[in-house]
Amino acid sequence: MSEGRIDIDPESAARDLAALVLTVVELLRQLMERQAVRRFDQGDLTDAQTEQVGRTLMLLDQRMDELCGRHGLSRADLNLDLGPLGSLLPYE
């Protein structure tokens, strides 16, 4: 009985891991954004809170662009096809 070897390219593995982590972060970012919009629409936020949430979400969006660029990924690379359920990350 011979054992098969799996050749793993370290660069490819690192990029795939970065893509997985950034996918989870992007999913959470989009969920936070939707929650903020929902709270804004319901009038649950003060003007100061609205401003702070808006700035925070914009900064997080910029950081995501930076991290994707650093790892040679686009936002589209983070999306997963879930078959009949559609894609994981809805983009407007």
Protein backbone atom coordinates (compact mmCIF):
# COMPACT_ATOMS: atom_id res chain seq x y z
CA MET A 1 0.00 0.00 0.00
CA SER A 2 1.49 3.34 -1.02
CA GLU A 3 0.72 6.60 0.59
CA GLY A 4 -0.23 9.48 -1.70
CA ARG A 5 1.47 12.79 -1.24
CA ILE A 6 -0.33 16.06 -1.33
CA ASP A 7 1.72 18.91 -2.67
CA ILE A 8 0.60 22.17 -1.18
CA ASP A 9 1.93 25.42 -2.53
CA PRO A 10 2.56 27.63 0.52
CA GLU A 11 1.75 30.84 -1.37
CA SER A 12 -1.52 29.44 -2.67
CA ALA A 13 -2.45 28.15 0.78
CA ALA A 14 -1.71 31.54 2.35
CA ARG A 15 -3.78 33.35 -0.29
CA ASP A 16 -6.68 30.91 0.16
CA LEU A 17 -6.57 31.34 3.93
CA ALA A 18 -6.54 35.13 3.54
CA ALA A 19 -9.52 34.88 1.17
CA LEU A 20 -11.43 32.76 3.69
CA VAL A 21 -10.75 35.15 6.58
CA LEU A 22 -11.62 38.19 4.47
CA THR A 23 -14.83 36.49 3.31
CA VAL A 24 -15.94 36.11 6.93
CA VAL A 25 -14.96 39.70 7.71
CA GLU A 26 -16.81 40.98 4.62
CA LEU A 27 -19.91 39.02 5.56
CA LEU A 28 -19.85 40.52 9.06
CA ARG A 29 -19.21 44.01 7.63
CA GLN A 30 -22.25 43.72 5.37
CA LEU A 31 -24.40 42.44 8.24
CA MET A 32 -23.29 45.35 10.44
CA GLU A 33 -24.07 47.78 7.63
CA ARG A 34 -27.58 46.36 7.20
CA GLN A 35 -28.19 46.52 10.94
CA ALA A 36 -27.03 50.15 11.03
CA VAL A 37 -29.37 51.05 8.14
CA ARG A 38 -32.24 49.27 9.90
CA ARG A 39 -31.58 51.17 13.12
CA PHE A 40 -31.30 54.44 11.21
CA ASP A 41 -34.59 53.79 9.39
CA GLN A 42 -36.30 53.04 12.72
CA GLY A 43 -34.97 56.27 14.23
CA ASP A 44 -33.02 54.41 16.93
CA LEU A 45 -29.83 56.43 16.41
CA THR A 46 -29.04 59.97 17.44
CA ASP A 47 -27.42 62.27 14.90
CA ALA A 48 -24.06 61.77 16.60
CA GLN A 49 -24.44 57.98 16.55
CA THR A 50 -25.47 58.07 12.89
CA GLU A 51 -22.35 60.09 12.06
CA GLN A 52 -20.09 57.77 14.08
CA VAL A 53 -21.56 54.60 12.57
CA GLY A 54 -21.27 56.06 9.07
CA ARG A 55 -17.61 56.98 9.55
CA THR A 56 -16.82 53.60 11.10
CA LEU A 57 -18.45 51.68 8.26
CA MET A 58 -16.65 53.80 5.64
CA LEU A 59 -13.32 53.20 7.38
CA LEU A 60 -13.98 49.46 7.58
CA ASP A 61 -14.87 49.43 3.88
CA GLN A 62 -11.58 51.17 3.06
CA ARG A 63 -9.63 48.71 5.21
CA MET A 64 -11.27 45.81 3.39
CA ASP A 65 -10.10 47.29 0.08
CA GLU A 66 -6.57 47.64 1.49
CA LEU A 67 -6.49 44.08 2.82
CA CYS A 68 -7.86 42.65 -0.41
CA GLY A 69 -5.23 44.57 -2.37
CA ARG A 70 -2.46 43.42 -0.06
CA HIS A 71 -3.39 39.79 -0.73
CA GLY A 72 -4.09 40.21 -4.44
CA LEU A 73 -7.83 39.68 -4.05
CA SER A 74 -10.88 41.54 -5.24
CA ARG A 75 -14.18 41.70 -3.39
CA ALA A 76 -15.60 39.37 -6.04
CA ASP A 77 -12.96 36.78 -5.05
CA LEU A 78 -14.48 36.70 -1.57
CA ASN A 79 -17.92 35.65 -2.73
CA LEU A 80 -18.84 31.98 -2.50
CA ASP A 81 -21.32 30.24 -4.79
CA LEU A 82 -23.76 28.36 -2.59
CA GLY A 83 -25.37 26.53 -5.49
CA PRO A 84 -29.16 26.69 -5.44
CA LEU A 85 -29.05 29.18 -2.55
CA GLY A 86 -27.18 31.74 -4.65
CA SER A 87 -24.09 33.62 -3.62
CA LEU A 88 -22.99 34.20 -0.04
CA LEU A 89 -22.32 37.91 -0.35
CA PRO A 90 -25.01 40.06 -1.87
CA TYR A 91 -23.57 43.05 -3.67
CA GLU A 92 -25.64 46.04 -4.61
